[in-house]
């Protein structure tokens, strides 16, 4: 691998309880290269989203990132950023597509206002410049610019998902974290959105941390894949190797959980 864009080392995160702490992420380390799509797969509750929130520094108490943890983006210590630096870091350096992203748009604001709020805050654009940038980003995700005056409820689920992705792309971030970006979408729309993300990645050159529990979807989309189990990263390899020659028993069981396409009784 070339010099990694993102380097996560010994990441350990606890949720502090009154009687007992819960370790959600346990000594996880991985790298993401420039322009690479790196996937994190595993069952619900294994720590995938907790890692995503840590990279963007979105955790609040009772979550606690332990002091031995290191997160570097382009050599910059993410965990050492102060509040002002962190505000500039988010969206400009790392953008995040949240789980159920199509429901994360503000339902009472027009699409133009939601773009404008972010663009004018981070780039000090005029209203006209923000409108032009909004139109440009909507075109990139195949949505007519004249629809920027519409409200979220006037779009389909797949279109809202593409709008969220366009908002994430608007400041040209180096890394886009996608936490279950195709949840609740049918398989045809899933494929359309992933194809669009790949096209944008090739055009803009950003890296992707792609999080899902759908291992079949992941190996089609990612360059490399890491498998999470109970807060630990138990296996990481190329997507092809994870598919053809998985090494960890848990990875093999994940593949075995897929229903057969040829019929037969599932036990």
C-alpha atoms as a PDB file:
ATOM      1  CA  UNK A   1       0.000   0.000   0.000  1.00  0.00           C
ATOM      2  CA  UNK A   2       1.087   3.572  -0.657  1.00  0.00           C
ATOM      3  CA  UNK A   3       1.092   6.024   2.243  1.00  0.00           C
ATOM      4  CA  UNK A   4      -2.394   5.542   3.734  1.00  0.00           C
ATOM      5  CA  UNK A   5      -4.914   8.353   3.730  1.00  0.00           C
ATOM      6  CA  UNK A   6      -6.537   7.007   6.899  1.00  0.00           C
ATOM      7  CA  UNK A   7      -4.623   5.098   9.559  1.00  0.00           C
ATOM      8  CA  UNK A   8      -6.500   3.646  12.540  1.00  0.00           C
ATOM      9  CA  UNK A   9      -4.332   2.126  15.278  1.00  0.00           C
ATOM     10  CA  UNK A  10      -5.355   0.324  18.484  1.00  0.00           C
ATOM     11  CA  UNK A  11      -8.786   1.967  18.447  1.00  0.00           C
ATOM     12  CA  UNK A  12     -10.570   1.084  21.676  1.00  0.00           C
ATOM     13  CA  UNK A  13     -13.943   2.573  22.604  1.00  0.00           C
ATOM     14  CA  UNK A  14     -15.992   1.958  25.740  1.00  0.00           C
ATOM     15  CA  UNK A  15     -19.495   3.012  26.716  1.00  0.00           C
ATOM     16  CA  UNK A  16     -19.315   3.972  30.372  1.00  0.00           C
ATOM     17  CA  UNK A  17     -22.102   2.579  32.562  1.00  0.00           C
ATOM     18  CA  UNK A  18     -23.033   3.192  36.180  1.00  0.00           C
ATOM     19  CA  UNK A  19     -22.153  -0.348  37.193  1.00  0.00           C
ATOM     20  CA  UNK A  20     -20.176  -1.757  34.282  1.00  0.00           C
ATOM     21  CA  UNK A  21     -18.475  -0.458  31.146  1.00  0.00           C
ATOM     22  CA  UNK A  22     -19.210  -1.981  27.748  1.00  0.00           C
ATOM     23  CA  UNK A  23     -16.339  -2.345  25.261  1.00  0.00           C
ATOM     24  CA  UNK A  24     -17.789  -1.645  21.831  1.00  0.00           C
ATOM     25  CA  UNK A  25     -14.496  -1.552  19.876  1.00  0.00           C
ATOM     26  CA  UNK A  26     -11.467  -3.504  21.016  1.00  0.00           C
ATOM     27  CA  UNK A  27      -7.959  -2.711  19.692  1.00  0.00           C
ATOM     28  CA  UNK A  28      -8.901  -2.257  16.026  1.00  0.00           C
ATOM     29  CA  UNK A  29      -6.258  -1.281  13.446  1.00  0.00           C
ATOM     30  CA  UNK A  30      -6.576  -0.797   9.682  1.00  0.00           C
ATOM     31  CA  UNK A  31      -5.517   1.552   6.857  1.00  0.00           C
ATOM     32  CA  UNK A  32      -7.369   3.072   3.905  1.00  0.00           C
ATOM     33  CA  UNK A  33      -5.292   4.073   0.878  1.00  0.00           C
ATOM     34  CA  UNK A  34      -5.960   7.171  -1.269  1.00  0.00           C
ATOM     35  CA  UNK A  35      -8.808   6.417  -3.670  1.00  0.00           C
ATOM     36  CA  UNK A  36      -9.524   3.040  -2.061  1.00  0.00           C
ATOM     37  CA  UNK A  37     -12.878   1.592  -0.976  1.00  0.00           C
ATOM     38  CA  UNK A  38     -12.387  -0.235   2.321  1.00  0.00           C
ATOM     39  CA  UNK A  39     -15.318  -2.167   3.766  1.00  0.00           C
ATOM     40  CA  UNK A  40     -16.234  -3.084   7.326  1.00  0.00           C
ATOM     41  CA  UNK A  41     -18.718  -5.944   7.570  1.00  0.00           C
ATOM     42  CA  UNK A  42     -20.265  -7.789  10.466  1.00  0.00           C
ATOM     43  CA  UNK A  43     -23.490  -8.395  12.337  1.00  0.00           C
ATOM     44  CA  UNK A  44     -25.467  -5.639  14.055  1.00  0.00           C
ATOM     45  CA  UNK A  45     -23.798  -4.452  17.256  1.00  0.00           C
ATOM     46  CA  UNK A  46     -20.272  -5.527  16.307  1.00  0.00           C
ATOM     47  CA  UNK A  47     -18.858  -1.973  16.431  1.00  0.00           C
ATOM     48  CA  UNK A  48     -18.927  -0.828  12.791  1.00  0.00           C
ATOM     49  CA  UNK A  49     -20.881   2.387  13.315  1.00  0.00           C
ATOM     50  CA  UNK A  50     -18.963   3.139  16.511  1.00  0.00           C
ATOM     51  CA  UNK A  51     -15.756   3.178  14.439  1.00  0.00           C
ATOM     52  CA  UNK A  52     -17.383   5.449  11.841  1.00  0.00           C
ATOM     53  CA  UNK A  53     -18.428   7.948  14.511  1.00  0.00           C
ATOM     54  CA  UNK A  54     -14.925   7.884  16.032  1.00  0.00           C
ATOM     55  CA  UNK A  55     -13.302   8.818  12.704  1.00  0.00           C
ATOM     56  CA  UNK A  56     -15.552  11.892  12.468  1.00  0.00           C
ATOM     57  CA  UNK A  57     -15.233  12.611  16.212  1.00  0.00           C
ATOM     58  CA  UNK A  58     -19.006  12.469  16.667  1.00  0.00           C
ATOM     59  CA  UNK A  59     -19.044  10.507  19.915  1.00  0.00           C
ATOM     60  CA  UNK A  60     -20.497  12.036  23.055  1.00  0.00           C
ATOM     61  CA  UNK A  61     -20.623  10.660  26.620  1.00  0.00           C
ATOM     62  CA  UNK A  62     -21.066   7.922  27.704  1.00  0.00           C
ATOM     63  CA  UNK A  63     -18.801   6.898  24.782  1.00  0.00           C
ATOM     64  CA  UNK A  64     -15.092   7.104  25.623  1.00  0.00           C
ATOM     65  CA  UNK A  65     -12.201   6.678  23.169  1.00  0.00           C
ATOM     66  CA  UNK A  66      -9.304   5.226  25.156  1.00  0.00           C
ATOM     67  CA  UNK A  67      -5.978   7.083  25.195  1.00  0.00           C
ATOM     68  CA  UNK A  68      -4.021   4.327  23.422  1.00  0.00           C
ATOM     69  CA  UNK A  69      -6.181   4.882  20.306  1.00  0.00           C
ATOM     70  CA  UNK A  70      -4.786   6.662  17.239  1.00  0.00           C
ATOM     71  CA  UNK A  71      -6.655   7.986  14.191  1.00  0.00           C
ATOM     72  CA  UNK A  72      -4.576   9.766  11.540  1.00  0.00           C
ATOM     73  CA  UNK A  73      -5.956  11.341   8.376  1.00  0.00           C
ATOM     74  CA  UNK A  74      -3.203  12.333   5.955  1.00  0.00           C
ATOM     75  CA  UNK A  75      -0.844  12.201   8.933  1.00  0.00           C
ATOM     76  CA  UNK A  76      -3.021  14.539  11.022  1.00  0.00           C
ATOM     77  CA  UNK A  77      -4.012  13.452  14.533  1.00  0.00           C
ATOM     78  CA  UNK A  78      -7.819  13.440  14.439  1.00  0.00           C
ATOM     79  CA  UNK A  79      -8.208  12.727  18.151  1.00  0.00           C
ATOM     80  CA  UNK A  80      -6.036  15.743  19.012  1.00  0.00           C
ATOM     81  CA  UNK A  81      -8.117  18.342  17.126  1.00  0.00           C
ATOM     82  CA  UNK A  82      -9.613  21.172  19.171  1.00  0.00           C
ATOM     83  CA  UNK A  83     -13.199  22.357  18.659  1.00  0.00           C
ATOM     84  CA  UNK A  84     -12.354  24.971  16.022  1.00  0.00           C
ATOM     85  CA  UNK A  85     -10.135  22.616  14.024  1.00  0.00           C
ATOM     86  CA  UNK A  86     -12.736  19.873  14.316  1.00  0.00           C
ATOM     87  CA  UNK A  87     -15.455  22.110  12.862  1.00  0.00           C
ATOM     88  CA  UNK A  88     -13.272  22.730   9.801  1.00  0.00           C
ATOM     89  CA  UNK A  89     -12.267  19.052   9.619  1.00  0.00           C
ATOM     90  CA  UNK A  90     -15.806  17.740   9.266  1.00  0.00           C
ATOM     91  CA  UNK A  91     -17.231  17.942   5.717  1.00  0.00           C
ATOM     92  CA  UNK A  92     -13.996  19.431   4.333  1.00  0.00           C
ATOM     93  CA  UNK A  93     -11.731  16.478   5.230  1.00  0.00           C
ATOM     94  CA  UNK A  94     -14.200  13.738   6.174  1.00  0.00           C
ATOM     95  CA  UNK A  95     -17.870  13.601   5.225  1.00  0.00           C
ATOM     96  CA  UNK A  96     -20.335  10.997   6.458  1.00  0.00           C
ATOM     97  CA  UNK A  97     -23.408   9.411   4.936  1.00  0.00           C
ATOM     98  CA  UNK A  98     -25.341   8.246   7.976  1.00  0.00           C
ATOM     99  CA  UNK A  99     -27.358   5.095   8.390  1.00  0.00           C
ATOM    100  CA  UNK A 100     -30.866   5.661   6.945  1.00  0.00           C
ATOM    101  CA  UNK A 101     -29.398   8.689   5.177  1.00  0.00           C
ATOM    102  CA  UNK A 102     -32.490   9.207   3.055  1.00  0.00           C
ATOM    103  CA  UNK A 103     -34.301  10.178   6.272  1.00  0.00           C
ATOM    104  CA  UNK A 104     -31.549  12.526   7.510  1.00  0.00           C
ATOM    105  CA  UNK A 105     -32.601  15.534   5.436  1.00  0.00           C
ATOM    106  CA  UNK A 106     -34.531  18.231   7.296  1.00  0.00           C
ATOM    107  CA  UNK A 107     -38.168  17.730   6.195  1.00  0.00           C
ATOM    108  CA  UNK A 108     -39.147  21.421   6.560  1.00  0.00           C
ATOM    109  CA  UNK A 109     -36.270  22.936   4.560  1.00  0.00           C
ATOM    110  CA  UNK A 110     -35.939  23.044   0.789  1.00  0.00           C
ATOM    111  CA  UNK A 111     -32.989  21.141  -0.698  1.00  0.00           C
ATOM    112  CA  UNK A 112     -31.343  24.427  -1.711  1.00  0.00           C
ATOM    113  CA  UNK A 113     -31.389  25.657   1.899  1.00  0.00           C
ATOM    114  CA  UNK A 114     -29.769  22.448   3.160  1.00  0.00           C
ATOM    115  CA  UNK A 115     -26.918  22.760   0.656  1.00  0.00           C
ATOM    116  CA  UNK A 116     -26.573  26.489   1.278  1.00  0.00           C
ATOM    117  CA  UNK A 117     -26.301  26.126   5.045  1.00  0.00           C
ATOM    118  CA  UNK A 118     -23.303  23.816   4.735  1.00  0.00           C
ATOM    119  CA  UNK A 119     -21.600  25.629   1.839  1.00  0.00           C
ATOM    120  CA  UNK A 120     -21.896  29.123   3.305  1.00  0.00           C
ATOM    121  CA  UNK A 121     -20.719  27.942   6.732  1.00  0.00           C
ATOM    122  CA  UNK A 122     -17.613  26.144   5.503  1.00  0.00           C
ATOM    123  CA  UNK A 123     -16.635  28.165   2.410  1.00  0.00           C
ATOM    124  CA  UNK A 124     -18.150  31.577   3.124  1.00  0.00           C
ATOM    125  CA  UNK A 125     -19.893  31.540  -0.268  1.00  0.00           C
ATOM    126  CA  UNK A 126     -22.395  34.114  -1.394  1.00  0.00           C
ATOM    127  CA  UNK A 127     -25.975  32.962  -1.873  1.00  0.00           C
ATOM    128  CA  UNK A 128     -25.493  32.963  -5.657  1.00  0.00           C
ATOM    129  CA  UNK A 129     -22.284  30.925  -5.459  1.00  0.00           C
ATOM    130  CA  UNK A 130     -23.959  28.414  -3.130  1.00  0.00           C
ATOM    131  CA  UNK A 131     -26.884  28.065  -5.547  1.00  0.00           C
ATOM    132  CA  UNK A 132     -24.505  27.435  -8.464  1.00  0.00           C
ATOM    133  CA  UNK A 133     -22.591  24.811  -6.476  1.00  0.00           C
ATOM    134  CA  UNK A 134     -25.863  23.147  -5.472  1.00  0.00           C
ATOM    135  CA  UNK A 135     -26.947  22.916  -9.104  1.00  0.00           C
ATOM    136  CA  UNK A 136     -23.564  21.465 -10.078  1.00  0.00           C
ATOM    137  CA  UNK A 137     -23.716  18.766  -7.372  1.00  0.00           C
ATOM    138  CA  UNK A 138     -27.306  17.804  -8.164  1.00  0.00           C
ATOM    139  CA  UNK A 139     -26.359  17.286 -11.826  1.00  0.00           C
ATOM    140  CA  UNK A 140     -23.590  14.917 -10.717  1.00  0.00           C
ATOM    141  CA  UNK A 141     -26.152  12.628  -9.081  1.00  0.00           C
ATOM    142  CA  UNK A 142     -28.639  12.875 -11.983  1.00  0.00           C
ATOM    143  CA  UNK A 143     -31.131  15.201 -10.321  1.00  0.00           C
ATOM    144  CA  UNK A 144     -32.410  18.220 -12.250  1.00  0.00           C
ATOM    145  CA  UNK A 145     -31.092  21.474 -10.679  1.00  0.00           C
ATOM    146  CA  UNK A 146     -34.523  23.105 -10.904  1.00  0.00           C
ATOM    147  CA  UNK A 147     -35.656  20.677  -8.203  1.00  0.00           C
ATOM    148  CA  UNK A 148     -33.471  22.330  -5.564  1.00  0.00           C
ATOM    149  CA  UNK A 149     -36.536  24.333  -4.524  1.00  0.00           C
ATOM    150  CA  UNK A 150     -38.402  21.119  -3.643  1.00  0.00           C
ATOM    151  CA  UNK A 151     -38.736  19.593  -0.177  1.00  0.00           C
ATOM    152  CA  UNK A 152     -37.344  16.128   0.762  1.00  0.00           C
ATOM    153  CA  UNK A 153     -40.788  14.486   0.772  1.00  0.00           C
ATOM    154  CA  UNK A 154     -41.140  15.313  -2.932  1.00  0.00           C
ATOM    155  CA  UNK A 155     -38.318  12.901  -3.825  1.00  0.00           C
ATOM    156  CA  UNK A 156     -38.179   9.108  -3.839  1.00  0.00           C
ATOM    157  CA  UNK A 157     -36.013   7.273  -1.308  1.00  0.00           C
ATOM    158  CA  UNK A 158     -33.254   6.662  -3.843  1.00  0.00           C
ATOM    159  CA  UNK A 159     -33.255  10.311  -4.910  1.00  0.00           C
ATOM    160  CA  UNK A 160     -33.012  11.505  -1.302  1.00  0.00           C
ATOM    161  CA  UNK A 161     -30.084   9.137  -0.845  1.00  0.00           C
ATOM    162  CA  UNK A 162     -28.350  10.642  -3.871  1.00  0.00           C
ATOM    163  CA  UNK A 163     -29.002  14.159  -2.555  1.00  0.00           C
ATOM    164  CA  UNK A 164     -27.295  13.271   0.744  1.00  0.00           C
ATOM    165  CA  UNK A 165     -24.325  11.886  -1.185  1.00  0.00           C
ATOM    166  CA  UNK A 166     -24.190  15.101  -3.250  1.00  0.00           C
ATOM    167  CA  UNK A 167     -24.126  17.181  -0.056  1.00  0.00           C
ATOM    168  CA  UNK A 168     -21.204  15.070   1.182  1.00  0.00           C
ATOM    169  CA  UNK A 169     -19.319  15.641  -2.087  1.00  0.00           C
ATOM    170  CA  UNK A 170     -19.883  19.411  -2.180  1.00  0.00           C
ATOM    171  CA  UNK A 171     -16.694  20.339  -0.281  1.00  0.00           C
ATOM    172  CA  UNK A 172     -14.459  17.743  -2.002  1.00  0.00           C
ATOM    173  CA  UNK A 173     -13.598  15.692   1.121  1.00  0.00           C
ATOM    174  CA  UNK A 174     -10.672  13.282   1.142  1.00  0.00           C
ATOM    175  CA  UNK A 175     -12.649  10.515   2.864  1.00  0.00           C
ATOM    176  CA  UNK A 176     -16.344   9.654   2.737  1.00  0.00           C
ATOM    177  CA  UNK A 177     -17.668   7.376   5.474  1.00  0.00           C
ATOM    178  CA  UNK A 178     -20.788   5.525   4.369  1.00  0.00           C
ATOM    179  CA  UNK A 179     -22.718   3.771   7.128  1.00  0.00           C
ATOM    180  CA  UNK A 180     -25.279   1.429   5.547  1.00  0.00           C
ATOM    181  CA  UNK A 181     -25.913   3.907   2.685  1.00  0.00           C
ATOM    182  CA  UNK A 182     -28.327   1.619   0.820  1.00  0.00           C
ATOM    183  CA  UNK A 183     -30.485   0.466   3.754  1.00  0.00           C
ATOM    184  CA  UNK A 184     -34.220   0.165   2.931  1.00  0.00           C
ATOM    185  CA  UNK A 185     -33.617   0.512  -0.822  1.00  0.00           C
ATOM    186  CA  UNK A 186     -34.461  -2.194  -3.342  1.00  0.00           C
ATOM    187  CA  UNK A 187     -31.633  -4.016  -5.097  1.00  0.00           C
ATOM    188  CA  UNK A 188     -31.993  -2.078  -8.369  1.00  0.00           C
ATOM    189  CA  UNK A 189     -31.723   1.295  -6.607  1.00  0.00           C
ATOM    190  CA  UNK A 190     -28.847  -0.044  -4.483  1.00  0.00           C
ATOM    191  CA  UNK A 191     -26.879  -0.874  -7.615  1.00  0.00           C
ATOM    192  CA  UNK A 192     -27.617   2.512  -9.189  1.00  0.00           C
ATOM    193  CA  UNK A 193     -26.404   4.356  -6.086  1.00  0.00           C
ATOM    194  CA  UNK A 194     -23.224   2.282  -5.736  1.00  0.00           C
ATOM    195  CA  UNK A 195     -22.433   2.780  -9.419  1.00  0.00           C
ATOM    196  CA  UNK A 196     -22.884   6.536  -8.982  1.00  0.00           C
ATOM    197  CA  UNK A 197     -20.610   6.543  -5.904  1.00  0.00           C
ATOM    198  CA  UNK A 198     -17.929   4.704  -7.898  1.00  0.00           C
ATOM    199  CA  UNK A 199     -18.191   7.191 -10.766  1.00  0.00           C
ATOM    200  CA  UNK A 200     -17.873  10.115  -8.346  1.00  0.00           C
ATOM    201  CA  UNK A 201     -14.903   8.457  -6.622  1.00  0.00           C
ATOM    202  CA  UNK A 202     -13.071   8.102  -9.916  1.00  0.00           C
ATOM    203  CA  UNK A 203     -13.808  11.737 -10.784  1.00  0.00           C
ATOM    204  CA  UNK A 204     -12.949  13.283  -7.400  1.00  0.00           C
ATOM    205  CA  UNK A 205     -10.365  10.797  -6.101  1.00  0.00           C
ATOM    206  CA  UNK A 206     -11.752  10.446  -2.573  1.00  0.00           C
ATOM    207  CA  UNK A 207     -11.518   7.287  -0.448  1.00  0.00           C
ATOM    208  CA  UNK A 208     -14.522   5.452   0.969  1.00  0.00           C
ATOM    209  CA  UNK A 209     -15.028   3.621   4.249  1.00  0.00           C
ATOM    210  CA  UNK A 210     -18.077   1.491   3.442  1.00  0.00           C
ATOM    211  CA  UNK A 211     -19.983  -0.086   6.323  1.00  0.00           C
ATOM    212  CA  UNK A 212     -22.633  -2.767   5.990  1.00  0.00           C
ATOM    213  CA  UNK A 213     -23.689  -6.176   7.248  1.00  0.00           C
ATOM    214  CA  UNK A 214     -24.313  -7.302   3.655  1.00  0.00           C
ATOM    215  CA  UNK A 215     -21.100  -9.130   2.785  1.00  0.00           C
ATOM    216  CA  UNK A 216     -22.296 -10.008  -0.721  1.00  0.00           C
ATOM    217  CA  UNK A 217     -22.855  -6.347  -1.557  1.00  0.00           C
ATOM    218  CA  UNK A 218     -19.533  -5.387  -0.005  1.00  0.00           C
ATOM    219  CA  UNK A 219     -17.285  -7.726  -2.001  1.00  0.00           C
ATOM    220  CA  UNK A 220     -18.757  -6.332  -5.228  1.00  0.00           C
ATOM    221  CA  UNK A 221     -18.067  -2.722  -4.255  1.00  0.00           C
ATOM    222  CA  UNK A 222     -14.884  -2.718  -2.135  1.00  0.00           C
ATOM    223  CA  UNK A 223     -11.187  -3.147  -2.847  1.00  0.00           C
ATOM    224  CA  UNK A 224     -10.467  -4.597   0.595  1.00  0.00           C
ATOM    225  CA  UNK A 225     -12.713  -5.825   3.394  1.00  0.00           C
ATOM    226  CA  UNK A 226     -12.401  -6.115   7.168  1.00  0.00           C
ATOM    227  CA  UNK A 227     -14.632  -8.465   9.169  1.00  0.00           C
ATOM    228  CA  UNK A 228     -15.823  -7.326  12.604  1.00  0.00           C
ATOM    229  CA  UNK A 229     -16.856  -9.660  15.430  1.00  0.00           C
ATOM    230  CA  UNK A 230     -17.776  -8.467  18.933  1.00  0.00           C
ATOM    231  CA  UNK A 231     -15.767  -5.267  18.632  1.00  0.00           C
ATOM    232  CA  UNK A 232     -12.667  -6.864  17.093  1.00  0.00           C
ATOM    233  CA  UNK A 233     -11.365  -6.871  13.545  1.00  0.00           C
ATOM    234  CA  UNK A 234     -10.886 -10.611  13.057  1.00  0.00           C
ATOM    235  CA  UNK A 235      -9.908 -10.685   9.370  1.00  0.00           C
ATOM    236  CA  UNK A 236      -8.964  -8.242   6.628  1.00  0.00           C
ATOM    237  CA  UNK A 237      -7.975  -9.021   3.068  1.00  0.00           C
ATOM    238  CA  UNK A 238      -8.776  -8.170  -0.539  1.00  0.00           C
ATOM    239  CA  UNK A 239     -12.444  -8.444  -1.432  1.00  0.00           C
ATOM    240  CA  UNK A 240     -11.660 -11.335  -3.757  1.00  0.00           C
ATOM    241  CA  UNK A 241      -9.800 -13.252  -1.041  1.00  0.00           C
ATOM    242  CA  UNK A 242     -12.608 -12.654   1.470  1.00  0.00           C
ATOM    243  CA  UNK A 243     -15.010 -14.097  -1.100  1.00  0.00           C
ATOM    244  CA  UNK A 244     -12.961 -17.030  -2.423  1.00  0.00           C
ATOM    245  CA  UNK A 245     -10.684 -18.038   0.451  1.00  0.00           C
ATOM    246  CA  UNK A 246     -11.972 -16.690   3.789  1.00  0.00           C
ATOM    247  CA  UNK A 247      -9.713 -17.649   6.666  1.00  0.00           C
ATOM    248  CA  UNK A 248     -11.599 -16.898   9.882  1.00  0.00           C
ATOM    249  CA  UNK A 249     -14.380 -19.253  10.991  1.00  0.00           C
ATOM    250  CA  UNK A 250     -16.738 -16.318  11.517  1.00  0.00           C
ATOM    251  CA  UNK A 251     -16.203 -15.093   7.931  1.00  0.00           C
ATOM    252  CA  UNK A 252     -16.991 -18.595   6.670  1.00  0.00           C
ATOM    253  CA  UNK A 253     -20.161 -18.637   8.777  1.00  0.00           C
ATOM    254  CA  UNK A 254     -21.223 -15.282   7.347  1.00  0.00           C
ATOM    255  CA  UNK A 255     -20.984 -16.724   3.847  1.00  0.00           C
ATOM    256  CA  UNK A 256     -22.778 -19.881   4.961  1.00  0.00           C
ATOM    257  CA  UNK A 257     -25.689 -17.771   6.225  1.00  0.00           C
ATOM    258  CA  UNK A 258     -26.579 -16.705   2.672  1.00  0.00           C
ATOM    259  CA  UNK A 259     -29.590 -18.636   1.311  1.00  0.00           C
ATOM    260  CA  UNK A 260     -28.960 -20.915  -1.633  1.00  0.00           C
ATOM    261  CA  UNK A 261     -30.029 -19.641  -5.060  1.00  0.00           C
ATOM    262  CA  UNK A 262     -30.590 -23.233  -6.204  1.00  0.00           C
ATOM    263  CA  UNK A 263     -33.325 -24.148  -3.757  1.00  0.00           C
ATOM    264  CA  UNK A 264     -33.142 -26.896  -1.176  1.00  0.00           C
ATOM    265  CA  UNK A 265     -33.995 -26.892   2.494  1.00  0.00           C
ATOM    266  CA  UNK A 266     -32.206 -24.412   4.760  1.00  0.00           C
ATOM    267  CA  UNK A 267     -31.526 -25.879   8.193  1.00  0.00           C
END
